Structures are given as C-alpha cells and as structure tokens.
Amino acid sequence: MGEGLLALVGVACEDGEDAARELARRLVQLRIFADAAGRMNRSLLESGGTLGVVSQFTLLADARQGRRPSYARAAPGEQAEPLVAAVVAAAREFGVTVVTGKFGAMMDVHLVNAGPVTILLDSERLF
C-alpha cells in the first residue's frame, strides 16, 4: 500500500452506519503526518497517503476475567462486514485511496510503523 495509515477496524454490536462514517472522517482528517518542519500536522488527505482497512474483531476482546478473552461485544460477521465496507466507502468519498483486506480471512499483515505512532479511535469517544 505504500505510505499511509493502516486502520485495524473492530465493529461492536452497538455500532451502526453513523459510527462507520464518523470513523472514516476521523481517519482521513487525523493530523499525524509530518509537515515541512517535521511536526505531526498533516492529515491523510493532505499527505496523499493510502488508507489500509483491515477488519479485526479481536479488538473487542474483554480479557478482564479468566484466561480466555470474551468477544461478546464484537458484532457478528453479517453485521460487521457491511459496516467495515461503509468505513471504506466513506473514506473513498473523501478522495482517499483505500486498500482492504478480505473480511473474515486469515491474513498476514506486515506493518512498518514510522514513529512509532499508534492511536486508538473509538466511536463512543471513550478515549
């Protein structure tokens, strides 16, 4: 995909179309790319980078009890797949090049994390 932003997207049972569109907006407008002075001051839109979107239900894991994580908050595939597709479609509407993984597939994802910069975004804005 080249330079850009890799988004691992987990869909919760309570997420909907509005959350998907808002996530896409936040992803493409997040100012995390270096400007001429080397400060994180440019968005994906301004940098011309690519957005990679990979579904990742395990982000919803609750490991607060026991040794086996619970995925009860993760939306089932038939609900999650169209919402991940909605994130992709909304990002493309902003004019960003988007590449995707295959929903539900076992994939080897390789990431070179410049910085490193890793940011959590939540549709409920809890963090």
C-alpha atoms as a PDB file:
ATOM      1  CA  MET A   1       0.000   0.000   0.000  1.00  0.00           C
ATOM      2  CA  GLY A   2       2.954   2.329   0.453  1.00  0.00           C
ATOM      3  CA  GLU A   3       2.997   5.253   2.850  1.00  0.00           C
ATOM      4  CA  GLY A   4      -0.220   5.929   4.678  1.00  0.00           C
ATOM      5  CA  LEU A   5      -2.333   4.743   7.550  1.00  0.00           C
ATOM      6  CA  LEU A   6      -3.293   1.188   8.492  1.00  0.00           C
ATOM      7  CA  ALA A   7      -6.610   1.005  10.347  1.00  0.00           C
ATOM      8  CA  LEU A   8      -7.497  -2.202  12.163  1.00  0.00           C
ATOM      9  CA  VAL A   9     -11.268  -1.868  12.499  1.00  0.00           C
ATOM     10  CA  GLY A  10     -13.304  -3.703  15.117  1.00  0.00           C
ATOM     11  CA  VAL A  11     -17.087  -3.425  14.987  1.00  0.00           C
ATOM     12  CA  ALA A  12     -19.111  -3.598  18.199  1.00  0.00           C
ATOM     13  CA  CYS A  13     -22.691  -4.868  18.366  1.00  0.00           C
ATOM     14  CA  GLU A  14     -23.979  -1.348  19.025  1.00  0.00           C
ATOM     15  CA  ASP A  15     -22.137   0.269  16.069  1.00  0.00           C
ATOM     16  CA  GLY A  16     -24.038   1.490  13.029  1.00  0.00           C
ATOM     17  CA  GLU A  17     -23.718   3.463   9.784  1.00  0.00           C
ATOM     18  CA  ASP A  18     -23.204   6.786  11.590  1.00  0.00           C
ATOM     19  CA  ALA A  19     -20.284   5.345  13.569  1.00  0.00           C
ATOM     20  CA  ALA A  20     -18.738   3.984  10.352  1.00  0.00           C
ATOM     21  CA  ARG A  21     -18.954   7.348   8.570  1.00  0.00           C
ATOM     22  CA  GLU A  22     -17.594   9.188  11.606  1.00  0.00           C
ATOM     23  CA  LEU A  23     -14.676   6.769  11.883  1.00  0.00           C
ATOM     24  CA  ALA A  24     -13.815   7.305   8.210  1.00  0.00           C
ATOM     25  CA  ARG A  25     -13.912  11.084   8.684  1.00  0.00           C
ATOM     26  CA  ARG A  26     -11.664  10.909  11.732  1.00  0.00           C
ATOM     27  CA  LEU A  27      -9.201   8.575   9.982  1.00  0.00           C
ATOM     28  CA  VAL A  28      -8.723  10.754   6.905  1.00  0.00           C
ATOM     29  CA  GLN A  29      -8.575  14.027   8.888  1.00  0.00           C
ATOM     30  CA  LEU A  30      -6.349  12.876  11.769  1.00  0.00           C
ATOM     31  CA  ARG A  31      -3.237  15.082  11.744  1.00  0.00           C
ATOM     32  CA  ILE A  32      -0.443  12.559  12.284  1.00  0.00           C
ATOM     33  CA  PHE A  33       1.827  13.005   9.250  1.00  0.00           C
ATOM     34  CA  ALA A  34       4.885  15.244   9.327  1.00  0.00           C
ATOM     35  CA  ASP A  35       4.814  18.707   7.810  1.00  0.00           C
ATOM     36  CA  ALA A  36       7.899  20.523   6.426  1.00  0.00           C
ATOM     37  CA  ALA A  37       9.059  21.248   9.994  1.00  0.00           C
ATOM     38  CA  GLY A  38       8.765  17.594  10.994  1.00  0.00           C
ATOM     39  CA  ARG A  39       5.710  18.122  13.219  1.00  0.00           C
ATOM     40  CA  MET A  40       2.711  15.812  13.079  1.00  0.00           C
ATOM     41  CA  ASN A  41       0.491  18.399  11.445  1.00  0.00           C
ATOM     42  CA  ARG A  42      -0.839  16.882   8.195  1.00  0.00           C
ATOM     43  CA  SER A  43      -3.749  14.542   7.590  1.00  0.00           C
ATOM     44  CA  LEU A  44      -4.009  11.600   5.248  1.00  0.00           C
ATOM     45  CA  LEU A  45      -5.884  13.912   2.872  1.00  0.00           C
ATOM     46  CA  GLU A  46      -3.017  16.410   2.907  1.00  0.00           C
ATOM     47  CA  SER A  47      -0.232  13.838   2.708  1.00  0.00           C
ATOM     48  CA  GLY A  48      -1.756  11.930  -0.202  1.00  0.00           C
ATOM     49  CA  GLY A  49      -1.167   8.615   1.542  1.00  0.00           C
ATOM     50  CA  THR A  50      -3.205   5.449   1.325  1.00  0.00           C
ATOM     51  CA  LEU A  51      -5.652   4.160   3.925  1.00  0.00           C
ATOM     52  CA  GLY A  52      -5.496   0.432   4.600  1.00  0.00           C
ATOM     53  CA  VAL A  53      -8.584  -1.024   6.283  1.00  0.00           C
ATOM     54  CA  VAL A  54      -8.477  -4.480   7.863  1.00  0.00           C
ATOM     55  CA  SER A  55     -11.350  -5.915   9.912  1.00  0.00           C
ATOM     56  CA  GLN A  56     -10.196  -7.043  13.351  1.00  0.00           C
ATOM     57  CA  PHE A  57     -12.891  -8.390  15.678  1.00  0.00           C
ATOM     58  CA  THR A  58     -10.286  -9.236  18.329  1.00  0.00           C
ATOM     59  CA  LEU A  59     -10.007  -5.521  19.160  1.00  0.00           C
ATOM     60  CA  LEU A  60     -13.263  -6.023  21.071  1.00  0.00           C
ATOM     61  CA  ALA A  61     -11.732  -8.695  23.305  1.00  0.00           C
ATOM     62  CA  ASP A  62     -12.536  -8.387  27.002  1.00  0.00           C
ATOM     63  CA  ALA A  63      -9.751 -10.068  28.945  1.00  0.00           C
ATOM     64  CA  ARG A  64     -10.579  -8.677  32.379  1.00  0.00           C
ATOM     65  CA  GLN A  65     -11.593 -12.062  33.780  1.00  0.00           C
ATOM     66  CA  GLY A  66     -10.107 -15.503  33.446  1.00  0.00           C
ATOM     67  CA  ARG A  67      -7.655 -16.634  30.807  1.00  0.00           C
ATOM     68  CA  ARG A  68      -9.922 -16.709  27.765  1.00  0.00           C
ATOM     69  CA  PRO A  69     -10.987 -13.362  26.242  1.00  0.00           C
ATOM     70  CA  SER A  70     -14.678 -12.772  25.627  1.00  0.00           C
ATOM     71  CA  TYR A  71     -15.739 -11.434  22.252  1.00  0.00           C
ATOM     72  CA  ALA A  72     -19.366 -10.841  23.274  1.00  0.00           C
ATOM     73  CA  ARG A  73     -19.199  -7.147  22.310  1.00  0.00           C
ATOM     74  CA  ALA A  74     -17.922  -7.925  18.795  1.00  0.00           C
ATOM     75  CA  ALA A  75     -20.598  -7.703  16.122  1.00  0.00           C
ATOM     76  CA  PRO A  76     -21.305 -10.919  14.219  1.00  0.00           C
ATOM     77  CA  GLY A  77     -19.890 -11.076  10.694  1.00  0.00           C
ATOM     78  CA  GLU A  78     -23.202 -10.376   8.949  1.00  0.00           C
ATOM     79  CA  GLN A  79     -23.479  -7.091  10.885  1.00  0.00           C
ATOM     80  CA  ALA A  80     -19.781  -6.160  10.878  1.00  0.00           C
ATOM     81  CA  GLU A  81     -18.938  -6.728   7.211  1.00  0.00           C
ATOM     82  CA  PRO A  82     -21.274  -4.040   5.802  1.00  0.00           C
ATOM     83  CA  LEU A  83     -20.074  -1.575   8.438  1.00  0.00           C
ATOM     84  CA  VAL A  84     -16.416  -2.146   7.568  1.00  0.00           C
ATOM     85  CA  ALA A  85     -17.426  -1.652   3.918  1.00  0.00           C
ATOM     86  CA  ALA A  86     -19.178   1.589   4.958  1.00  0.00           C
ATOM     87  CA  VAL A  87     -15.924   2.873   6.503  1.00  0.00           C
ATOM     88  CA  VAL A  88     -14.142   2.111   3.218  1.00  0.00           C
ATOM     89  CA  ALA A  89     -16.836   3.759   1.087  1.00  0.00           C
ATOM     90  CA  ALA A  90     -16.956   6.884   3.255  1.00  0.00           C
ATOM     91  CA  ALA A  91     -13.150   7.253   3.171  1.00  0.00           C
ATOM     92  CA  ARG A  92     -13.199   6.945  -0.623  1.00  0.00           C
ATOM     93  CA  GLU A  93     -15.832   9.691  -0.770  1.00  0.00           C
ATOM     94  CA  PHE A  94     -13.225  11.987   0.814  1.00  0.00           C
ATOM     95  CA  GLY A  95     -10.956  11.172  -2.137  1.00  0.00           C
ATOM     96  CA  VAL A  96      -8.536   8.914  -0.286  1.00  0.00           C
ATOM     97  CA  THR A  97      -7.085   5.808  -1.914  1.00  0.00           C
ATOM     98  CA  VAL A  98      -8.202   2.826   0.178  1.00  0.00           C
ATOM     99  CA  VAL A  99      -6.939  -0.746   0.151  1.00  0.00           C
ATOM    100  CA  THR A 100      -8.571  -3.528   2.123  1.00  0.00           C
ATOM    101  CA  GLY A 101      -8.058  -6.964   3.429  1.00  0.00           C
ATOM    102  CA  LYS A 102     -10.547  -9.775   2.865  1.00  0.00           C
ATOM    103  CA  PHE A 103     -13.248  -9.784   5.517  1.00  0.00           C
ATOM    104  CA  GLY A 104     -13.088 -12.849   7.748  1.00  0.00           C
ATOM    105  CA  ALA A 105      -9.920 -14.200   6.146  1.00  0.00           C
ATOM    106  CA  MET A 106      -6.785 -15.242   7.967  1.00  0.00           C
ATOM    107  CA  MET A 107      -4.244 -12.692   6.761  1.00  0.00           C
ATOM    108  CA  ASP A 108      -0.594 -11.928   7.366  1.00  0.00           C
ATOM    109  CA  VAL A 109      -0.433  -8.152   7.739  1.00  0.00           C
ATOM    110  CA  HIS A 110       3.025  -6.584   7.715  1.00  0.00           C
ATOM    111  CA  LEU A 111       3.422  -3.072   9.088  1.00  0.00           C
ATOM    112  CA  VAL A 112       6.366  -0.715   9.171  1.00  0.00           C
ATOM    113  CA  ASN A 113       5.360   1.666  11.924  1.00  0.00           C
ATOM    114  CA  ALA A 114       7.101   5.015  11.402  1.00  0.00           C
ATOM    115  CA  GLY A 115       7.495   6.797  14.676  1.00  0.00           C
ATOM    116  CA  PRO A 116       6.094   4.574  16.103  1.00  0.00           C
ATOM    117  CA  VAL A 117       2.651   6.116  16.164  1.00  0.00           C
ATOM    118  CA  THR A 118      -0.310   4.005  17.234  1.00  0.00           C
ATOM    119  CA  ILE A 119      -3.597   5.724  18.076  1.00  0.00           C
ATOM    120  CA  LEU A 120      -6.858   4.255  19.355  1.00  0.00           C
ATOM    121  CA  LEU A 121     -10.085   5.714  17.980  1.00  0.00           C
ATOM    122  CA  ASP A 122     -13.426   4.746  19.490  1.00  0.00           C
ATOM    123  CA  SER A 123     -16.876   5.506  18.073  1.00  0.00           C
ATOM    124  CA  GLU A 124     -18.099   6.166  21.620  1.00  0.00           C
ATOM    125  CA  ARG A 125     -15.121   8.517  22.186  1.00  0.00           C
ATOM    126  CA  LEU A 126     -14.215   6.823  25.452  1.00  0.00           C
ATOM    127  CA  PHE A 127     -10.550   7.551  24.698  1.00  0.00           C
END
